[in-house]
Amino acid sequence: MPSQRPWRLLPDAAGDPAWHMALDEALLESHRLGLSPPTLRFYSWDPPALSIGYAQAASEVNMEACREAGLAVVRRSTGGRAVLHRGEFTYALIASDGFPPSIVGTYRQITDMLAEAIARLGAPVSVAPGTLSRSGSPSCFQSATQADLVALGRKLVGSAQTRRDGAFLQHGALMLTQKADEILPLLSRPVFGADATCLADVMGSLPARAAIAAAIVQSAIATWGIRLDIGELSSWEIERANDRMAALRLL
């Protein structure tokens, strides 16, 4: 059972892509050091961006195509492959106590919570059986693990995680309006056709961002029995994030 001390909720906010990636790192470090409670936050990307996993080669991105499209390119502290952050909804969850000690176990618990949240919105979702795969693709949404969410047989939510001394950061993207093939011209080598979908196509209409955030908050409270209090960033977290921004900005 996750920690029963009050969690911090950081409301939906737009911001610079490198700032978001640096802030997620700062929030994880702050929690690892005992300076902050478990935290849930939502955000959007301004300008839109392409993010790549911490171990992914930047050469897999077509930088010139991204520049022409007005996209930033940033590196995440979590693993996985490239994600286009345009027409999507991003969440980040930082916690430690009460979750499974393995990445897979924690990932599955969070996926189950997200499945409940999306079901609250009226979308038919399920956990991927692990059969959607495009091995070696530089795109995150070319494959689904056994803890990713799919709708109508296609990937709807992609998430990634990193762990430090028992604390973890998991963040991910719920596709809202993005079409599966939008990312393809932004990658530097050919990929297979995409097995992905978006919430607008699944539901026929798109819920407001506030409704999506509220559904996730309600699901987290109901699933884990936690209390979520609206909070603010500490000066330590802001300073730490500011120091890391430049290192994570690739374009």
C-alpha atoms as a PDB file:
ATOM      1  CA  MET A   1       0.000   0.000   0.000  1.00  0.00           C
ATOM      2  CA  PRO A   2       1.480   3.396  -0.982  1.00  0.00           C
ATOM      3  CA  SER A   3       2.475   5.876   1.713  1.00  0.00           C
ATOM      4  CA  GLN A   4      -0.458   7.166   3.740  1.00  0.00           C
ATOM      5  CA  ARG A   5       1.123  10.555   4.439  1.00  0.00           C
ATOM      6  CA  PRO A   6      -0.462  13.316   2.320  1.00  0.00           C
ATOM      7  CA  TRP A   7       0.728  13.447  -1.268  1.00  0.00           C
ATOM      8  CA  ARG A   8       1.413  16.670  -3.138  1.00  0.00           C
ATOM      9  CA  LEU A   9      -0.612  17.505  -6.248  1.00  0.00           C
ATOM     10  CA  LEU A  10       0.939  19.971  -8.681  1.00  0.00           C
ATOM     11  CA  PRO A  11      -1.809  21.242 -11.008  1.00  0.00           C
ATOM     12  CA  ASP A  12      -1.678  21.033 -14.803  1.00  0.00           C
ATOM     13  CA  ALA A  13       0.848  23.514 -16.187  1.00  0.00           C
ATOM     14  CA  ALA A  14       2.374  24.386 -19.559  1.00  0.00           C
ATOM     15  CA  GLY A  15       6.101  24.969 -19.762  1.00  0.00           C
ATOM     16  CA  ASP A  16       9.418  24.648 -21.541  1.00  0.00           C
ATOM     17  CA  PRO A  17      10.186  21.002 -22.417  1.00  0.00           C
ATOM     18  CA  ALA A  18      13.692  21.089 -20.908  1.00  0.00           C
ATOM     19  CA  TRP A  19      12.248  22.625 -17.743  1.00  0.00           C
ATOM     20  CA  HIS A  20       9.719  19.813 -17.415  1.00  0.00           C
ATOM     21  CA  MET A  21      12.394  17.135 -17.782  1.00  0.00           C
ATOM     22  CA  ALA A  22      14.705  18.916 -15.345  1.00  0.00           C
ATOM     23  CA  LEU A  23      11.864  19.414 -12.867  1.00  0.00           C
ATOM     24  CA  ASP A  24      10.923  15.742 -12.935  1.00  0.00           C
ATOM     25  CA  GLU A  25      14.545  14.938 -12.041  1.00  0.00           C
ATOM     26  CA  ALA A  26      14.512  17.530  -9.261  1.00  0.00           C
ATOM     27  CA  LEU A  27      11.262  16.172  -7.822  1.00  0.00           C
ATOM     28  CA  LEU A  28      12.701  12.657  -7.747  1.00  0.00           C
ATOM     29  CA  GLU A  29      15.876  13.807  -6.008  1.00  0.00           C
ATOM     30  CA  SER A  30      13.906  15.911  -3.536  1.00  0.00           C
ATOM     31  CA  HIS A  31      11.731  12.948  -2.615  1.00  0.00           C
ATOM     32  CA  ARG A  32      14.704  10.574  -2.438  1.00  0.00           C
ATOM     33  CA  LEU A  33      16.365  12.906   0.077  1.00  0.00           C
ATOM     34  CA  GLY A  34      13.201  13.133   2.176  1.00  0.00           C
ATOM     35  CA  LEU A  35      12.663  16.809   1.340  1.00  0.00           C
ATOM     36  CA  SER A  36       9.245  16.353  -0.260  1.00  0.00           C
ATOM     37  CA  PRO A  37       6.246  13.990  -0.123  1.00  0.00           C
ATOM     38  CA  PRO A  38       5.114  11.704  -2.949  1.00  0.00           C
ATOM     39  CA  THR A  39       4.042  13.943  -5.813  1.00  0.00           C
ATOM     40  CA  LEU A  40       1.634  13.717  -8.741  1.00  0.00           C
ATOM     41  CA  ARG A  41       1.697  16.343 -11.445  1.00  0.00           C
ATOM     42  CA  PHE A  42       0.349  17.017 -14.934  1.00  0.00           C
ATOM     43  CA  TYR A  43       1.840  19.185 -17.654  1.00  0.00           C
ATOM     44  CA  SER A  44       1.870  20.204 -21.305  1.00  0.00           C
ATOM     45  CA  TRP A  45       4.783  21.180 -23.542  1.00  0.00           C
ATOM     46  CA  ASP A  46       5.367  24.704 -24.846  1.00  0.00           C
ATOM     47  CA  PRO A  47       6.665  24.514 -27.515  1.00  0.00           C
ATOM     48  CA  PRO A  48       5.716  20.954 -28.500  1.00  0.00           C
ATOM     49  CA  ALA A  49       8.659  18.579 -28.291  1.00  0.00           C
ATOM     50  CA  LEU A  50      10.167  15.223 -29.023  1.00  0.00           C
ATOM     51  CA  SER A  51      11.626  13.488 -25.958  1.00  0.00           C
ATOM     52  CA  ILE A  52      14.029  10.566 -26.117  1.00  0.00           C
ATOM     53  CA  GLY A  53      14.965   8.000 -23.468  1.00  0.00           C
ATOM     54  CA  TYR A  54      18.103   8.463 -21.367  1.00  0.00           C
ATOM     55  CA  ALA A  55      19.997   5.760 -23.273  1.00  0.00           C
ATOM     56  CA  GLN A  56      18.589   6.465 -26.732  1.00  0.00           C
ATOM     57  CA  ALA A  57      21.006   7.815 -29.345  1.00  0.00           C
ATOM     58  CA  ALA A  58      20.252  11.365 -30.468  1.00  0.00           C
ATOM     59  CA  SER A  59      21.186  10.204 -33.970  1.00  0.00           C
ATOM     60  CA  GLU A  60      17.823   8.409 -34.138  1.00  0.00           C
ATOM     61  CA  VAL A  61      16.132  11.829 -34.318  1.00  0.00           C
ATOM     62  CA  ASN A  62      15.894  13.862 -37.522  1.00  0.00           C
ATOM     63  CA  MET A  63      16.917  17.173 -35.945  1.00  0.00           C
ATOM     64  CA  GLU A  64      16.362  19.191 -39.112  1.00  0.00           C
ATOM     65  CA  ALA A  65      12.794  17.874 -39.438  1.00  0.00           C
ATOM     66  CA  CYS A  66      12.136  18.732 -35.787  1.00  0.00           C
ATOM     67  CA  ARG A  67      13.544  22.233 -36.283  1.00  0.00           C
ATOM     68  CA  GLU A  68      11.361  22.814 -39.338  1.00  0.00           C
ATOM     69  CA  ALA A  69       8.314  21.589 -37.388  1.00  0.00           C
ATOM     70  CA  GLY A  70       9.028  24.011 -34.530  1.00  0.00           C
ATOM     71  CA  LEU A  71       9.727  21.217 -32.064  1.00  0.00           C
ATOM     72  CA  ALA A  72      12.155  21.159 -29.171  1.00  0.00           C
ATOM     73  CA  VAL A  73      14.125  17.950 -28.586  1.00  0.00           C
ATOM     74  CA  VAL A  74      14.951  16.903 -25.015  1.00  0.00           C
ATOM     75  CA  ARG A  75      16.347  13.919 -23.171  1.00  0.00           C
ATOM     76  CA  ARG A  76      14.329  12.196 -20.425  1.00  0.00           C
ATOM     77  CA  SER A  77      15.814  10.709 -17.264  1.00  0.00           C
ATOM     78  CA  THR A  78      13.621   7.656 -17.829  1.00  0.00           C
ATOM     79  CA  GLY A  79      14.166   4.926 -20.409  1.00  0.00           C
ATOM     80  CA  GLY A  80      12.171   4.005 -23.454  1.00  0.00           C
ATOM     81  CA  ARG A  81      12.103   5.473 -26.925  1.00  0.00           C
ATOM     82  CA  ALA A  82      11.069   8.670 -28.666  1.00  0.00           C
ATOM     83  CA  VAL A  83       7.722  10.300 -27.849  1.00  0.00           C
ATOM     84  CA  LEU A  84       6.147  13.229 -29.689  1.00  0.00           C
ATOM     85  CA  HIS A  85       4.592  15.599 -27.158  1.00  0.00           C
ATOM     86  CA  ARG A  86       1.950  17.295 -29.282  1.00  0.00           C
ATOM     87  CA  GLY A  87      -1.714  16.517 -28.846  1.00  0.00           C
ATOM     88  CA  GLU A  88      -1.147  14.504 -25.670  1.00  0.00           C
ATOM     89  CA  PHE A  89      -1.534  14.711 -21.864  1.00  0.00           C
ATOM     90  CA  THR A  90       1.529  14.105 -19.686  1.00  0.00           C
ATOM     91  CA  TYR A  91       1.565  12.889 -16.088  1.00  0.00           C
ATOM     92  CA  ALA A  92       4.484  12.402 -13.679  1.00  0.00           C
ATOM     93  CA  LEU A  93       4.366  10.437 -10.431  1.00  0.00           C
ATOM     94  CA  ILE A  94       7.175  10.448  -7.859  1.00  0.00           C
ATOM     95  CA  ALA A  95       6.916   8.124  -4.859  1.00  0.00           C
ATOM     96  CA  SER A  96       8.649   5.364  -2.874  1.00  0.00           C
ATOM     97  CA  ASP A  97       7.089   3.632   0.143  1.00  0.00           C
ATOM     98  CA  GLY A  98       4.410   1.025  -0.399  1.00  0.00           C
ATOM     99  CA  PHE A  99       5.039   0.273  -4.044  1.00  0.00           C
ATOM    100  CA  PRO A 100       6.653  -2.946  -5.319  1.00  0.00           C
ATOM    101  CA  PRO A 101      10.471  -2.937  -5.331  1.00  0.00           C
ATOM    102  CA  SER A 102      10.642  -3.773  -9.035  1.00  0.00           C
ATOM    103  CA  ILE A 103      10.100  -1.501 -12.011  1.00  0.00           C
ATOM    104  CA  VAL A 104       7.620  -3.953 -13.527  1.00  0.00           C
ATOM    105  CA  GLY A 105       5.570  -4.274 -10.334  1.00  0.00           C
ATOM    106  CA  THR A 106       5.339  -0.534  -9.779  1.00  0.00           C
ATOM    107  CA  TYR A 107       4.642   0.090 -13.456  1.00  0.00           C
ATOM    108  CA  ARG A 108       1.728  -2.353 -13.362  1.00  0.00           C
ATOM    109  CA  GLN A 109       0.208  -0.758 -10.236  1.00  0.00           C
ATOM    110  CA  ILE A 110       0.290   2.668 -11.850  1.00  0.00           C
ATOM    111  CA  THR A 111      -1.059   1.300 -15.120  1.00  0.00           C
ATOM    112  CA  ASP A 112      -4.005  -0.250 -13.297  1.00  0.00           C
ATOM    113  CA  MET A 113      -4.718   3.121 -11.680  1.00  0.00           C
ATOM    114  CA  LEU A 114      -4.538   4.892 -15.044  1.00  0.00           C
ATOM    115  CA  ALA A 115      -6.822   2.277 -16.600  1.00  0.00           C
ATOM    116  CA  GLU A 116      -9.420   3.031 -13.936  1.00  0.00           C
ATOM    117  CA  ALA A 117      -9.050   6.767 -14.585  1.00  0.00           C
ATOM    118  CA  ILE A 118      -9.509   6.456 -18.342  1.00  0.00           C
ATOM    119  CA  ALA A 119     -12.451   4.119 -17.845  1.00  0.00           C
ATOM    120  CA  ARG A 120     -14.037   6.855 -15.712  1.00  0.00           C
ATOM    121  CA  LEU A 121     -13.900   9.049 -18.824  1.00  0.00           C
ATOM    122  CA  GLY A 122     -15.804   6.399 -20.780  1.00  0.00           C
ATOM    123  CA  ALA A 123     -12.984   4.969 -22.889  1.00  0.00           C
ATOM    124  CA  PRO A 124     -12.633   1.186 -23.319  1.00  0.00           C
ATOM    125  CA  VAL A 125      -9.065   0.386 -22.228  1.00  0.00           C
ATOM    126  CA  SER A 126      -7.128  -2.700 -21.225  1.00  0.00           C
ATOM    127  CA  VAL A 127      -3.598  -3.673 -20.266  1.00  0.00           C
ATOM    128  CA  ALA A 128      -1.523  -4.779 -23.261  1.00  0.00           C
ATOM    129  CA  PRO A 129      -0.921  -8.521 -23.502  1.00  0.00           C
ATOM    130  CA  GLY A 130       2.601  -7.787 -24.705  1.00  0.00           C
ATOM    131  CA  THR A 131       1.879  -8.678 -28.327  1.00  0.00           C
ATOM    132  CA  LEU A 132       2.232  -5.231 -29.924  1.00  0.00           C
ATOM    133  CA  SER A 133       5.859  -4.925 -30.940  1.00  0.00           C
ATOM    134  CA  ARG A 134       8.097  -3.332 -33.529  1.00  0.00           C
ATOM    135  CA  SER A 135      11.489  -4.491 -32.299  1.00  0.00           C
ATOM    136  CA  GLY A 136      14.255  -1.934 -32.632  1.00  0.00           C
ATOM    137  CA  SER A 137      11.982   0.978 -33.506  1.00  0.00           C
ATOM    138  CA  PRO A 138      13.081   4.380 -32.167  1.00  0.00           C
ATOM    139  CA  SER A 139       9.429   5.292 -31.485  1.00  0.00           C
ATOM    140  CA  CYS A 140       7.825   4.539 -28.107  1.00  0.00           C
ATOM    141  CA  PHE A 141       4.393   3.985 -29.627  1.00  0.00           C
ATOM    142  CA  GLN A 142       5.641   1.273 -31.977  1.00  0.00           C
ATOM    143  CA  SER A 143       5.386  -1.285 -29.170  1.00  0.00           C
ATOM    144  CA  ALA A 144       3.436  -2.053 -26.003  1.00  0.00           C
ATOM    145  CA  THR A 145       4.747  -3.901 -22.968  1.00  0.00           C
ATOM    146  CA  GLN A 146       2.657  -6.028 -20.635  1.00  0.00           C
ATOM    147  CA  ALA A 147       1.975  -2.949 -18.504  1.00  0.00           C
ATOM    148  CA  ASP A 148       0.985  -0.417 -21.193  1.00  0.00           C
ATOM    149  CA  LEU A 149      -2.584   0.663 -21.867  1.00  0.00           C
ATOM    150  CA  VAL A 150      -4.249  -0.120 -25.165  1.00  0.00           C
ATOM    151  CA  ALA A 151      -7.645   0.730 -26.618  1.00  0.00           C
ATOM    152  CA  LEU A 152      -9.219  -1.223 -29.459  1.00  0.00           C
ATOM    153  CA  GLY A 153      -5.979  -3.169 -29.759  1.00  0.00           C
ATOM    154  CA  ARG A 154      -3.753  -0.102 -30.175  1.00  0.00           C
ATOM    155  CA  LYS A 155      -1.443   1.625 -27.703  1.00  0.00           C
ATOM    156  CA  LEU A 156      -3.017   4.653 -25.994  1.00  0.00           C
ATOM    157  CA  VAL A 157      -0.654   5.446 -23.096  1.00  0.00           C
ATOM    158  CA  GLY A 158       3.137   5.147 -23.075  1.00  0.00           C
ATOM    159  CA  SER A 159       5.064   5.401 -19.800  1.00  0.00           C
ATOM    160  CA  ALA A 160       8.655   5.111 -18.599  1.00  0.00           C
ATOM    161  CA  GLN A 161      10.326   4.888 -15.203  1.00  0.00           C
ATOM    162  CA  THR A 162      13.603   5.422 -13.375  1.00  0.00           C
ATOM    163  CA  ARG A 163      14.526   4.490  -9.799  1.00  0.00           C
ATOM    164  CA  ARG A 164      17.038   5.863  -7.297  1.00  0.00           C
ATOM    165  CA  ASP A 165      17.580   4.369  -3.847  1.00  0.00           C
ATOM    166  CA  GLY A 166      14.018   3.078  -3.600  1.00  0.00           C
ATOM    167  CA  ALA A 167      12.376   6.254  -4.913  1.00  0.00           C
ATOM    168  CA  PHE A 168      11.028   6.305  -8.448  1.00  0.00           C
ATOM    169  CA  LEU A 169       9.802   8.641 -11.142  1.00  0.00           C
ATOM    170  CA  GLN A 170       7.259   7.409 -13.643  1.00  0.00           C
ATOM    171  CA  HIS A 171       5.937   9.675 -16.315  1.00  0.00           C
ATOM    172  CA  GLY A 172       3.969   9.048 -19.430  1.00  0.00           C
ATOM    173  CA  ALA A 173       1.832  10.365 -22.239  1.00  0.00           C
ATOM    174  CA  LEU A 174      -1.853   9.784 -22.937  1.00  0.00           C
ATOM    175  CA  MET A 175      -2.470  10.437 -26.617  1.00  0.00           C
ATOM    176  CA  LEU A 176      -5.346  12.911 -27.040  1.00  0.00           C
ATOM    177  CA  THR A 177      -5.462  13.907 -30.716  1.00  0.00           C
ATOM    178  CA  GLN A 178      -2.070  12.812 -32.060  1.00  0.00           C
ATOM    179  CA  LYS A 179      -2.189  10.472 -35.032  1.00  0.00           C
ATOM    180  CA  ALA A 180       0.000   7.387 -34.978  1.00  0.00           C
ATOM    181  CA  ASP A 181       2.152   8.376 -37.939  1.00  0.00           C
ATOM    182  CA  GLU A 182       2.910  11.986 -36.932  1.00  0.00           C
ATOM    183  CA  ILE A 183       6.211  11.013 -35.339  1.00  0.00           C
ATOM    184  CA  LEU A 184       7.540   9.055 -38.315  1.00  0.00           C
ATOM    185  CA  PRO A 185       9.065  11.969 -40.316  1.00  0.00           C
ATOM    186  CA  LEU A 186      10.851  13.131 -37.155  1.00  0.00           C
ATOM    187  CA  LEU A 187      12.939   9.976 -36.884  1.00  0.00           C
ATOM    188  CA  SER A 188      16.173   9.461 -38.770  1.00  0.00           C
ATOM    189  CA  ARG A 189      15.625   5.900 -39.914  1.00  0.00           C
ATOM    190  CA  PRO A 190      12.631   4.041 -41.378  1.00  0.00           C
ATOM    191  CA  VAL A 191      10.147   2.479 -38.978  1.00  0.00           C
ATOM    192  CA  PHE A 192       7.167   0.220 -39.330  1.00  0.00           C
ATOM    193  CA  GLY A 193       3.580   1.473 -39.360  1.00  0.00           C
ATOM    194  CA  ALA A 194       2.411   2.525 -35.911  1.00  0.00           C
ATOM    195  CA  ASP A 195       0.156   0.473 -33.621  1.00  0.00           C
ATOM    196  CA  ALA A 196      -1.193   3.470 -31.715  1.00  0.00           C
ATOM    197  CA  THR A 197      -4.401   5.425 -31.269  1.00  0.00           C
ATOM    198  CA  CYS A 198      -5.640   8.544 -29.481  1.00  0.00           C
ATOM    199  CA  LEU A 199      -8.448   9.319 -27.046  1.00  0.00           C
ATOM    200  CA  ALA A 200     -10.395  11.427 -29.545  1.00  0.00           C
ATOM    201  CA  ASP A 201     -10.590   8.507 -31.972  1.00  0.00           C
ATOM    202  CA  VAL A 202     -11.469   5.990 -29.256  1.00  0.00           C
ATOM    203  CA  MET A 203     -14.236   8.116 -27.701  1.00  0.00           C
ATOM    204  CA  GLY A 204     -15.447  10.070 -30.725  1.00  0.00           C
ATOM    205  CA  SER A 205     -15.005  13.286 -28.701  1.00  0.00           C
ATOM    206  CA  LEU A 206     -12.317  14.634 -26.418  1.00  0.00           C
ATOM    207  CA  PRO A 207     -12.745  15.339 -22.678  1.00  0.00           C
ATOM    208  CA  ALA A 208     -11.325  18.607 -21.346  1.00  0.00           C
ATOM    209  CA  ARG A 209      -7.834  18.471 -19.836  1.00  0.00           C
ATOM    210  CA  ALA A 210      -9.337  19.355 -16.454  1.00  0.00           C
ATOM    211  CA  ALA A 211     -11.650  16.340 -16.670  1.00  0.00           C
ATOM    212  CA  ILE A 212      -8.727  14.044 -17.502  1.00  0.00           C
ATOM    213  CA  ALA A 213      -6.688  15.370 -14.580  1.00  0.00           C
ATOM    214  CA  ALA A 214      -9.654  15.022 -12.232  1.00  0.00           C
ATOM    215  CA  ALA A 215     -10.230  11.423 -13.329  1.00  0.00           C
ATOM    216  CA  ILE A 216      -6.605  10.503 -12.596  1.00  0.00           C
ATOM    217  CA  VAL A 217      -6.704  12.228  -9.194  1.00  0.00           C
ATOM    218  CA  GLN A 218      -9.948  10.467  -8.263  1.00  0.00           C
ATOM    219  CA  SER A 219      -8.594   7.124  -9.411  1.00  0.00           C
ATOM    220  CA  ALA A 220      -5.349   7.538  -7.434  1.00  0.00           C
ATOM    221  CA  ILE A 221      -7.300   8.368  -4.283  1.00  0.00           C
ATOM    222  CA  ALA A 222      -9.714   5.474  -4.750  1.00  0.00           C
ATOM    223  CA  THR A 223      -7.053   2.935  -5.770  1.00  0.00           C
ATOM    224  CA  TRP A 224      -4.444   3.694  -3.124  1.00  0.00           C
ATOM    225  CA  GLY A 225      -6.451   5.359  -0.355  1.00  0.00           C
ATOM    226  CA  ILE A 226      -4.183   8.392  -0.365  1.00  0.00           C
ATOM    227  CA  ARG A 227      -4.805  12.051   0.333  1.00  0.00           C
ATOM    228  CA  LEU A 228      -3.734  14.532  -2.347  1.00  0.00           C
ATOM    229  CA  ASP A 229      -3.184  18.145  -1.304  1.00  0.00           C
ATOM    230  CA  ILE A 230      -2.496  20.886  -3.827  1.00  0.00           C
ATOM    231  CA  GLY A 231       1.056  22.044  -3.243  1.00  0.00           C
ATOM    232  CA  GLU A 232       3.875  24.165  -4.603  1.00  0.00           C
ATOM    233  CA  LEU A 233       7.449  23.661  -5.682  1.00  0.00           C
ATOM    234  CA  SER A 234      10.164  24.315  -3.134  1.00  0.00           C
ATOM    235  CA  SER A 235      12.958  26.792  -3.806  1.00  0.00           C
ATOM    236  CA  TRP A 236      15.381  23.817  -3.725  1.00  0.00           C
ATOM    237  CA  GLU A 237      13.443  22.039  -6.484  1.00  0.00           C
ATOM    238  CA  ILE A 238      13.268  25.163  -8.631  1.00  0.00           C
ATOM    239  CA  GLU A 239      16.996  25.844  -8.284  1.00  0.00           C
ATOM    240  CA  ARG A 240      17.880  22.214  -9.011  1.00  0.00           C
ATOM    241  CA  ALA A 241      15.685  22.160 -12.118  1.00  0.00           C
ATOM    242  CA  ASN A 242      17.120  25.417 -13.408  1.00  0.00           C
ATOM    243  CA  ASP A 243      20.635  23.986 -13.064  1.00  0.00           C
ATOM    244  CA  ARG A 244      19.743  20.877 -15.127  1.00  0.00           C
ATOM    245  CA  MET A 245      17.781  22.414 -18.004  1.00  0.00           C
ATOM    246  CA  ALA A 246      20.673  23.069 -20.371  1.00  0.00           C
ATOM    247  CA  ALA A 247      22.019  19.522 -20.094  1.00  0.00           C
ATOM    248  CA  LEU A 248      18.683  18.034 -21.173  1.00  0.00           C
ATOM    249  CA  ARG A 249      17.993  20.321 -24.117  1.00  0.00           C
ATOM    250  CA  LEU A 250      19.149  18.770 -27.423  1.00  0.00           C
ATOM    251  CA  LEU A 251      17.389  21.240 -29.730  1.00  0.00           C
END
